[in-house]
Structure formats: structure tokens, C-alpha cells
Protein backbone atom coordinates (compact mmCIF):
# COMPACT_ATOMS: atom_id res chain seq x y z
CA UNK A 1 147.09 126.61 228.42
CA UNK A 2 145.88 127.01 224.86
CA UNK A 3 147.12 124.31 222.69
CA UNK A 4 146.56 124.23 218.51
CA UNK A 5 147.22 121.28 216.24
CA UNK A 6 148.79 121.47 212.70
CA UNK A 7 147.27 118.32 210.31
CA UNK A 8 144.29 116.38 211.11
CA UNK A 9 145.05 113.51 209.07
CA UNK A 10 145.24 110.13 210.80
CA UNK A 11 148.03 111.04 213.59
CA UNK A 12 146.62 114.55 214.66
CA UNK A 13 142.75 113.03 214.43
CA UNK A 14 143.46 109.97 216.23
CA UNK A 15 146.83 110.18 218.36
CA UNK A 16 147.13 113.97 219.26
CA UNK A 17 143.11 115.55 219.20
CA UNK A 18 141.53 113.04 221.56
CA UNK A 19 144.33 113.66 224.28
CA UNK A 20 144.43 117.24 223.66
CA UNK A 21 140.30 117.53 224.34
CA UNK A 22 140.96 115.48 227.46
CA UNK A 23 143.60 117.38 229.42
CA UNK A 24 142.65 119.04 232.76
CA UNK A 25 143.69 123.17 232.71
CA UNK A 26 144.04 123.17 228.97
CA UNK A 27 142.08 124.38 226.21
CA UNK A 28 142.07 122.61 222.72
CA UNK A 29 141.77 125.89 220.68
CA UNK A 30 142.12 124.92 216.89
CA UNK A 31 143.40 122.97 214.13
CA UNK A 32 145.13 123.84 210.83
CA UNK A 33 143.76 122.13 208.03
CA UNK A 34 142.66 123.26 204.71
CA UNK A 35 140.93 120.01 203.76
CA UNK A 36 137.10 120.32 203.49
CA UNK A 37 136.63 116.70 204.19
CA UNK A 38 138.86 116.82 207.36
CA UNK A 39 137.13 120.21 208.70
CA UNK A 40 134.37 118.28 208.51
CA UNK A 41 135.48 115.33 210.51
CA UNK A 42 136.95 118.12 213.06
CA UNK A 43 133.43 119.56 213.17
CA UNK A 44 132.05 116.12 214.18
CA UNK A 45 134.74 114.92 216.62
CA UNK A 46 135.27 118.29 218.52
CA UNK A 47 132.56 121.02 217.95
CA UNK A 48 133.71 124.40 218.91
CA UNK A 49 137.63 123.63 217.99
CA UNK A 50 138.27 126.30 215.35
CA UNK A 51 139.73 125.10 211.77
CA UNK A 52 142.46 127.32 210.61
CA UNK A 53 144.09 127.93 207.23
CA UNK A 54 147.82 128.58 208.50
CA UNK A 55 150.05 128.84 211.58
CA UNK A 56 149.99 132.46 211.57
CA UNK A 57 146.25 132.67 211.94
CA UNK A 58 146.49 129.77 214.92
CA UNK A 59 148.84 131.83 216.59
CA UNK A 60 147.16 134.85 216.22
CA UNK A 61 143.82 133.29 217.91
CA UNK A 62 146.18 132.66 220.80
CA UNK A 63 147.80 129.25 221.54
CA UNK A 64 150.95 128.56 223.99
CA UNK A 65 151.69 125.58 222.39
CA UNK A 66 151.87 124.24 218.89
CA UNK A 67 151.54 120.33 217.97
CA UNK A 68 152.45 119.54 214.35
CA UNK A 69 151.54 116.18 213.08
CA UNK A 70 151.66 115.79 209.52
CA UNK A 71 153.70 114.14 206.75
CA UNK A 72 157.73 113.95 207.51
CA UNK A 73 158.25 115.59 203.93
CA UNK A 74 157.79 119.23 204.72
CA UNK A 75 157.19 118.97 208.41
CA UNK A 76 160.73 120.68 209.29
CA UNK A 77 159.44 123.96 207.53
CA UNK A 78 156.17 124.15 209.51
CA UNK A 79 158.15 123.37 212.49
CA UNK A 80 160.36 126.18 211.43
CA UNK A 81 157.58 128.28 210.83
CA UNK A 82 155.86 127.88 214.55
CA UNK A 83 159.60 128.37 216.18
CA UNK A 84 159.47 131.66 213.97
CA UNK A 85 155.74 132.40 215.88
CA UNK A 86 157.53 132.04 219.19
CA UNK A 87 155.40 129.47 220.54
CA UNK A 88 156.57 126.08 222.09
CA UNK A 89 156.85 123.23 219.46
CA UNK A 90 155.82 119.73 219.69
CA UNK A 91 156.83 117.76 216.44
CA UNK A 92 155.18 114.17 215.99
CA UNK A 93 157.81 111.72 215.18
CA UNK A 94 159.94 110.88 213.23
CA UNK A 95 161.34 114.02 214.20
CA UNK A 96 163.55 114.53 210.92
CA UNK A 97 165.01 112.66 208.18
CA UNK A 98 168.42 112.60 209.50
CA UNK A 99 170.54 114.19 212.08
CA UNK A 100 171.67 117.08 210.32
CA UNK A 101 167.90 118.07 209.85
CA UNK A 102 167.41 117.51 213.38
CA UNK A 103 170.34 119.68 214.53
CA UNK A 104 169.32 122.53 212.28
CA UNK A 105 165.79 122.62 214.09
CA UNK A 106 167.25 122.20 217.33
CA UNK A 107 169.32 125.10 216.58
CA UNK A 108 166.89 127.02 215.28
CA UNK A 109 164.48 126.39 218.46
CA UNK A 110 167.46 127.67 220.91
CA UNK A 111 168.25 130.49 218.91
CA UNK A 112 164.65 131.64 219.26
CA UNK A 113 164.39 131.10 222.76
CA UNK A 114 161.56 128.74 221.94
CA UNK A 115 160.54 125.12 223.61
CA UNK A 116 160.83 122.26 221.39
CA UNK A 117 160.36 118.54 221.81
CA UNK A 118 158.91 115.45 220.15
CA UNK A 119 156.02 113.35 220.94
CA UNK A 120 157.39 109.86 222.30
CA UNK A 121 153.87 108.73 223.30
CA UNK A 122 155.07 104.90 223.33
CA UNK A 123 157.46 105.64 226.66
CA UNK A 124 154.06 105.64 228.57
CA UNK A 125 153.03 102.53 226.83
CA UNK A 126 151.83 99.67 229.37
CA UNK A 127 154.05 96.92 228.33
CA UNK A 128 156.87 99.22 228.19
CA UNK A 129 156.28 100.75 231.65
CA UNK A 130 156.07 97.25 232.96
CA UNK A 131 159.16 96.48 231.52
CA UNK A 132 160.81 99.75 232.99
CA UNK A 133 159.42 98.77 236.53
CA UNK A 134 160.67 95.04 236.30
CA UNK A 135 164.26 96.36 235.35
CA UNK A 136 164.24 99.11 238.34
CA UNK A 137 162.85 97.02 241.12
CA UNK A 138 165.68 94.35 240.41
CA UNK A 139 163.11 91.90 239.35
CA UNK A 140 165.02 90.45 236.45
CA UNK A 141 168.54 91.11 238.00
CA UNK A 142 171.54 92.44 235.58
CA UNK A 143 169.95 92.88 232.17
CA UNK A 144 171.73 90.87 229.27
CA UNK A 145 169.52 90.89 226.21
CA UNK A 146 166.21 92.81 225.20
CA UNK A 147 164.16 92.07 222.36
CA UNK A 148 161.96 94.69 220.93
CA UNK A 149 158.97 94.02 217.99
CA UNK A 150 156.43 95.83 216.29
CA UNK A 151 155.31 94.11 213.49
CA UNK A 152 152.12 94.64 211.35
CA UNK A 153 150.50 93.31 208.26
CA UNK A 154 149.83 96.57 206.30
CA UNK A 155 150.79 96.07 202.24
CA UNK A 156 148.40 99.32 201.46
CA UNK A 157 150.83 101.55 203.25
CA UNK A 158 154.16 100.28 201.51
CA UNK A 159 153.99 103.18 199.24
CA UNK A 160 153.57 105.79 202.12
CA UNK A 161 156.87 107.69 202.35
CA UNK A 162 155.27 110.21 204.80
CA UNK A 163 156.60 108.42 207.74
CA UNK A 164 160.39 107.92 206.03
CA UNK A 165 159.97 104.12 205.85
CA UNK A 166 159.33 101.83 208.59
CA UNK A 167 163.06 102.31 210.03
CA UNK A 168 162.59 105.95 210.49
CA UNK A 169 158.89 105.36 211.44
CA UNK A 170 158.42 102.54 213.87
CA UNK A 171 161.94 102.63 214.45
CA UNK A 172 161.84 106.12 216.32
CA UNK A 173 159.59 104.57 219.01
CA UNK A 174 161.76 101.49 219.46
CA UNK A 175 165.32 102.80 219.61
CA UNK A 176 163.90 105.72 221.84
CA UNK A 177 162.57 102.86 224.18
CA UNK A 178 165.88 101.09 223.94
CA UNK A 179 168.04 104.19 224.80
CA UNK A 180 165.82 105.26 227.69
CA UNK A 181 166.30 101.86 229.42
CA UNK A 182 169.88 101.17 228.58
CA UNK A 183 171.58 104.18 227.63
CA UNK A 184 173.57 105.15 224.58
CA UNK A 185 174.65 102.28 221.94
CA UNK A 186 178.79 102.45 221.26
CA UNK A 187 177.80 99.65 218.38
CA UNK A 188 174.86 99.82 215.73
CA UNK A 189 174.15 97.13 212.85
CA UNK A 190 170.98 97.38 210.92
CA UNK A 191 169.42 95.21 208.09
CA UNK A 192 166.56 96.92 205.83
CA UNK A 193 164.10 95.08 203.59
CA UNK A 194 162.41 96.61 200.49
CA UNK A 195 159.78 95.30 197.97
CA UNK A 196 159.22 95.67 194.09
CA UNK A 197 156.08 97.83 195.02
CA UNK A 198 158.16 100.41 196.90
CA UNK A 199 161.60 100.03 196.32
CA UNK A 200 162.68 103.38 197.75
CA UNK A 201 160.76 102.33 201.30
CA UNK A 202 162.16 100.01 203.50
CA UNK A 203 159.01 97.57 204.81
CA UNK A 204 160.92 95.94 207.48
CA UNK A 205 163.83 96.21 209.56
CA UNK A 206 166.22 94.60 212.22
CA UNK A 207 168.65 96.66 214.44
CA UNK A 208 170.98 95.56 217.05
CA UNK A 209 172.37 98.09 219.42
CA UNK A 210 175.23 97.22 221.83
CA UNK A 211 175.00 99.78 224.48
CA UNK A 212 177.70 101.13 226.51
CA UNK A 213 176.57 99.54 229.59
CA UNK A 214 177.02 96.11 227.88
CA UNK A 215 173.11 95.33 227.06
CA UNK A 216 172.42 94.37 223.74
CA UNK A 217 169.10 95.31 222.14
CA UNK A 218 167.42 93.37 219.20
CA UNK A 219 164.52 95.57 217.67
CA UNK A 220 162.58 94.24 214.69
CA UNK A 221 159.89 96.36 212.90
CA UNK A 222 157.95 95.52 209.85
CA UNK A 223 154.47 96.47 208.17
CA UNK A 224 154.58 92.93 206.07
CA UNK A 225 154.39 90.28 209.21
CA UNK A 226 151.14 88.58 209.33
CA UNK A 227 151.80 86.70 212.32
CA UNK A 228 151.44 88.79 215.99
CA UNK A 229 154.57 88.44 217.56
CA UNK A 230 156.09 88.46 220.73
CA UNK A 231 156.50 92.47 221.96
CA UNK A 232 159.09 92.38 224.37
CA UNK A 233 161.28 89.58 225.88
CA UNK A 234 163.85 91.26 228.43
CA UNK A 235 166.43 88.52 229.65
CA UNK A 236 168.59 88.79 233.04
CA UNK A 237 170.48 87.34 235.62
CA UNK A 238 167.40 86.46 237.50
CA UNK A 239 164.46 85.71 235.19
CA UNK A 240 162.91 86.63 231.78
CA UNK A 241 160.09 88.73 231.09
CA UNK A 242 158.21 88.16 227.85
CA UNK A 243 154.61 89.79 226.71
CA UNK A 244 152.74 89.62 223.36
CA UNK A 245 150.63 91.98 221.35
CA UNK A 246 150.61 95.71 221.62
CA UNK A 247 149.72 98.59 224.16
CA UNK A 248 145.83 98.90 223.71
CA UNK A 249 145.67 102.63 223.56
CA UNK A 250 146.28 102.97 219.90
CA UNK A 251 143.41 100.29 219.28
CA UNK A 252 140.96 102.49 221.73
CA UNK A 253 141.77 105.84 220.34
CA UNK A 254 141.17 104.25 216.57
CA UNK A 255 138.12 102.92 217.83
CA UNK A 256 137.19 106.43 219.17
CA UNK A 257 137.56 106.12 222.62
CA UNK A 258 139.52 108.65 224.74
CA UNK A 259 140.82 109.39 228.11
CA UNK A 260 137.85 111.43 228.65
CA UNK A 261 135.19 108.59 227.82
CA UNK A 262 136.88 105.78 229.50
CA UNK A 263 138.33 107.55 232.66
CA UNK A 264 139.89 105.62 234.85
CA UNK A 265 139.96 102.72 232.80
CA UNK A 266 141.81 104.17 230.19
CA UNK A 267 145.01 102.38 229.52
CA UNK A 268 144.39 99.47 231.46
CA UNK A 269 145.19 95.92 230.31
CA UNK A 270 142.98 93.06 230.33
CA UNK A 271 144.72 90.02 232.10
CA UNK A 272 144.49 88.12 228.97
CA UNK A 273 147.28 90.53 227.75
CA UNK A 274 149.53 90.46 230.72
CA UNK A 275 153.02 89.02 230.43
CA UNK A 276 155.02 86.38 232.27
CA UNK A 277 158.17 85.99 234.22
CA UNK A 278 159.96 82.84 233.94
CA UNK A 279 162.52 82.39 236.81
CA UNK A 280 163.72 78.78 236.17
CA UNK A 281 160.94 76.24 236.47
CA UNK A 282 158.73 79.00 237.77
CA UNK A 283 156.49 80.88 235.55
CA UNK A 284 154.36 83.78 236.66
CA UNK A 285 151.66 86.26 235.22
CA UNK A 286 152.72 89.65 235.66
CA UNK A 287 149.95 92.60 236.10
CA UNK A 288 150.78 95.19 233.50
CA UNK A 289 151.19 98.65 234.57
CA UNK A 290 148.29 101.10 233.51
CA UNK A 291 149.55 102.76 230.27
CA UNK A 292 149.01 106.52 229.81
CA UNK A 293 149.61 108.32 226.68
CA UNK A 294 148.03 111.54 228.26
CA UNK A 295 151.18 111.54 230.57
CA UNK A 296 153.32 113.00 227.67
CA UNK A 297 151.12 116.28 227.62
CA UNK A 298 150.62 116.31 231.44
CA UNK A 299 154.28 116.06 231.99
CA UNK A 300 154.51 118.87 229.25
CA UNK A 301 152.46 121.16 230.62
CA UNK A 302 153.98 121.15 234.07
CA UNK A 303 157.56 121.30 232.27
CA UNK A 304 156.30 124.61 230.39
CA UNK A 305 154.49 126.45 233.48
CA UNK A 306 157.74 125.75 235.41
CA UNK A 307 160.32 126.77 232.75
CA UNK A 308 162.18 123.09 233.48
CA UNK A 309 163.07 120.50 230.77
CA UNK A 310 160.11 118.71 228.95
CA UNK A 311 159.79 114.86 229.46
CA UNK A 312 161.35 114.25 225.94
CA UNK A 313 164.84 116.60 225.75
CA UNK A 314 166.48 117.65 222.44
CA UNK A 315 169.50 115.67 223.66
CA UNK A 316 167.39 112.44 223.69
CA UNK A 317 165.81 113.51 220.37
CA UNK A 318 168.85 114.02 218.79
CA UNK A 319 170.89 110.85 220.16
CA UNK A 320 167.75 108.68 218.58
CA UNK A 321 168.03 110.36 215.28
CA UNK A 322 171.77 109.64 215.12
CA UNK A 323 171.41 105.93 216.24
CA UNK A 324 168.61 105.69 213.32
CA UNK A 325 171.15 107.11 211.05
CA UNK A 326 173.72 104.75 211.96
CA UNK A 327 171.51 101.93 211.38
CA UNK A 328 170.71 102.99 207.75
CA UNK A 329 174.17 103.44 207.20
CA UNK A 330 175.06 99.81 208.57
CA UNK A 331 172.43 98.45 206.43
CA UNK A 332 173.59 100.32 203.57
CA UNK A 333 177.04 99.59 203.82
CA UNK A 334 176.98 96.02 205.43
CA UNK A 335 178.70 96.87 208.36
CA UNK A 336 179.19 97.56 211.88
CA UNK A 337 178.74 101.50 212.70
CA UNK A 338 180.60 102.80 216.05
CA UNK A 339 178.92 105.69 217.59
CA UNK A 340 180.93 108.12 220.01
CA UNK A 341 180.17 108.64 223.36
CA UNK A 342 179.50 112.59 223.90
């Protein structure tokens, strides 16, 4: 399989290119970027991977899949262009500014008969995989409450609207994870926080989801939180699991490491980062599952070759976007938003 990348900013360079270059039975063919400095970075990072001026040139060179990792503003036009070329498309998250735009892109892909999916790589975080295992094997009993946090201190990024605000950016991961674990939400409540430096872009959010199965999820995201918070706290009838910090794959990629360079060590968390299971007075450390962002692309490869649904389906994508829309509507209206079950 021949794969091309559109965009070589932080997302393209660190969160996609190293994974694409590490895939077995695939060729990282080229990158669309007109920036001279980014072309220099590409030549240094991946010698032999060609730069291109346009998606059309990339497709002419021969690719089976186009990955689009550009700022949210203008991304939908690039997705449409790739769909028009008739090749399979991966969009980075956030997928769209709202559900109307998401629905239009999904319809365009269906009409053209082109596979379209979204890069929800945090489904393969070590901590999330551990939470999923503890839930599925019954260790925690019946789940009652789910708390998820991704909070950072990066004030320099407050004026950056490329991700559509923290709710649309980090929230895309956190809502997707909650919906994967507990299914659709019936009620959504949201709070957004802004700063004088960037009054149009939310820098922090709180979202409460009441899922159809009765579980309540509390999601917190921020770019102005200096203290490292708890990542997950999951409470069930048989115990509570907590874990701090954040999956280490992001840090590894930013440091220049990759699945190719690390081999079997990729995604393995150090014991000091493992979480804890509390059952009454008993408290035991839980070995973290091995994280694997490459699994997204490996599963996508297999799905495209077999003609089966991708690991992140369009129904899942649209449900996440609609839930994010409801959270923003709740914050702006000061109310709880009820979502229909479909």
C-alpha cells in the first residue's frame, strides 16, 4: 500500500509520518507541502520521501491512501479534493467545525464511493487500553462514573485556532473515548472558559455526559492547567481504577523516537506510570497495557485491503461531532442538551 501525507506541521511531522514510515507492507510515498523549511525537515527526517505541491501531483505519483493533517480551517476543502481524486482518505481530528460540515463530507465520500475515516489514535493509548480491559473483564464490576482529563500548560498556543479551540481539539479524543466505552450520550452539559488574550477560542472545558446505559462521564480539558492531573478515574461496583500522567507515545514521537527505532519497547509504560486498583482497603498496582498508535494504521490497512469497515467508522465520527456540538450549545445556552438516540 502506498500512502501520502498532506501537511508537515507538528501533526504531520510527529504524529503521522513516523508511523507511516514504520508500517510493514506499506510505502510512505510523499508529502504535500510548499514550505521550503518543511521540505528541508522532510528531507532530513525521511530521505527519499518526495515533496509535492498538490494533492493532484501526489495522486498522480501513485497512492492508495491520503492522510490529511493540516489546520482545521481549510481542511474540509482538502478532504473534498482528495475524495474527488478517488483515493481513500484519513482526516486528522478534529474532523469538522460542526455536524453539518461533517455530514456534508461524509455524504461526498459516499457519493464518490471513497473510504473516509478519522485519526482517533488515542483509542490505542496505554491507559485507555488498560481501562477498557478492566471494564471488559469485569474487574471493576458495573461502571457508575468515568472521569477523564487531559490538561496541559501551554499559554503560547492560546491564539492558535487551528484546532478549533480546546473542546474541539482535545475534546475530540476524550468524547470519542467515552462513547467507545459506554455508548451514546442522552444528555450533555458543557462549560467553556476563555481568556482576554484569545476571547474567541476556549482554552478549557468541562463536559458531563449521561450515557444511555446510565454511566456518567466527566471530561476535563485545558491548556492552562499547570499541575499534572489524574488522567482517568473509573468507578464501578467492585472497585476504582486511577492513573496519572499521559500515555508516553506522544512524548516519544516529539523526542524523535518511533516504532521503528524502539521495536518491541514501543508503547511500553514504565512501572512508575502504572495505575492503581482500589477495592475497599486493598490497593494494588495494575500493569499498563502496551500502547500502540500504529494499530490504527495497521487495522486501516487490513480494512482497505479486505473492503471492510475502518477501525474508526463514519457513524462513530458523526456521533462524536454531534456530541461536541451539544457540549458547545450547552455552554453557550447555560442548559443541558438532550440528544436523540438513533
